[in-house]
Every structure is written in structure tokens, then in C-alpha cells.
């Protein structure tokens, strides 16, 4: 028979409005992060509901699980339980049809891979490095193929490691595999990445571009309504109003070859997002991750109000 297995991702920094990742809360097991409740929901509740469906009817199975949960944020059964089954179903269907998963999901004409965005410096909640922005990414958009883009990224990563070593900075890595050195702020990190791009033999702004995941909600102070960089960068770091945050991001875009900024404003700062989009929306990709949390209602509102110009789609949100 056909077989499918599903593995569910988990994020370190998550949006306030994301789907619920069901955890046990039992401190005696895995520090409270066990998933036995979600497993029980799969074995005892979801299984009874989906057994008997045609494994190729992905939409019907997904809708049945969503209806069974009955909450707007999948808080009853857990998004991790529902998604695990959904992925397993897709893999089982591909196995049954004896085709690769990407062909099953994308159709037989699927032959294009996106340009990879490689997270080579980890800050914020992804490491102990004193940098507020969570991800510093390289985007080898000038590469002719995915294969070449991957090679360029690997070469830049290793060039960066050599530069960090030469400066006596740490080459330990953060949650997502990027380096987590003690840079002297954001611009020091950017300048070092640009040096690594050049050291690897590529041209910043022509071959390789830059991107940030600011994950601004992680350092936004709701009570004071400010972006408090001291949370990650310590005493003496900037504390910016929404307008100052927008000015700062515009300054970085004008100075460096940045083509994408994710979560540049707090997830609930709709006015800030609209102002940011008015200012930079025609220059760079402004991506809503925590802002949209892969939710069509938030996306519709964003389109209507001119807030952000791109969405990050995650199956676990």
C-alpha cells in the first residue's frame, strides 16, 4: 500500500495571530514542550474522521480536519496535528501514484525553482548575538540557475566564516544555521556580508543582493509604542518611534543593495505598515510574515489598505 509521513516545523519567533501549535505544558516532559496531546488527537480523533477518504482528495481531507477542529486558529486539535496528517496524506498520494511529491502538488509542468534566500547571519530571537534583526540574508538573484545560486551562497558563507575568524569574531551558528557573531550593530553585519560577497568573487547589487527579516514584533514595546533595539543590542542601542523605524529602513535601503525586508514593522502596527509601504513599496519587497500569518483575512485587509506588498506563506501558520 501507499505510505506517507509528515514532519511539522516549529518557529522560534511566532506571530501573535498564528495557528496554535499544541504543546502539553507538562514540565516533567521535554520542559513542557511535549506533543503527546497532538499525537493523541491524530490517533483518536483525526484518524476516525479521515479513514475512508480517497488519499488523492487532499482538499476534502484538509476541510474535514478544519471542520472537526472548528476554531479559527486550530486551537482544539492543534495546527501541528492537522498539518502532520495533511503532509502525510500528500506524500501517501504521491507514493500511490508513483510520482515525486513536487509533481503531485505542482503538476507535471513543474520545472522552475525559486531564487533561494540564504540566512547567513542570525540575530534577534534566533541567537544570542547582540543584533536586533533576526535574519540577514543573501539573495543570489543574478545566478542563471538554482544550482549556481546554491553554489554562490555556499561560497559566500565560507568566505564570511574566514572574515569572521580574521576579526576574532565567533563562528558559532544560531537557530537557522547562520553565524551569530558579536557585531557592532546592524550596519557592521551588513558591511561584513558585503565584504564576504566580494571575497567570494561576486558583485553586490549585481550578482547578489541582501534581505532582512527584522522580526520587529520581537523588539516592539507595545506600552511605549516604540521599537526598542536595547532588548537585543543592550544599553545604548536605539529606541525608535514608528516613523523613525521607517526612516531607518529607508536609510538602509538607500545605502545597501537590499531587495527584501520581512516584518519591518510590528505585526499590529497597521499605520506603520501603510507608511512603510508608501515609502518603500516600489523599491523593495515588503514581506508580511508575522503580519499576515498566512491568513487570507489579514491578506485581504493588507491589499485593501496598501500595507506590505508580499506575503510569506507557511503551512504551519
Foldseek 3Di string as FASTA:
>chain_A
DFWFWFDDDDDLQAFPQAAFADWQCPCVPPRRRHDVLLVCCLVPPLCVQCPPDDLLPLVVSLVSQCVSQVDPRSVRNGLRSSRRVSRGSLRRVCRVVVHDSCCSVPNPPPDADDFDWAFAEAFPSFDLALEQFGTKTKTQVQDPGNVVSVVLVVQLSVLLVVVCVVVVWDQDATNRRHGRTHAPYDVSVVVSSCVSSVVSPHHELNRMAIETANSQQSQQDPVVQWRHSCVRNNPPDDIGHLVRLLVVVVVCVVVGRYAEYECSDHLPPQVSQQVSCVVCVVPHQYEYCSNCNQPVVSVVVCVVSVGGDYYDHDSSD
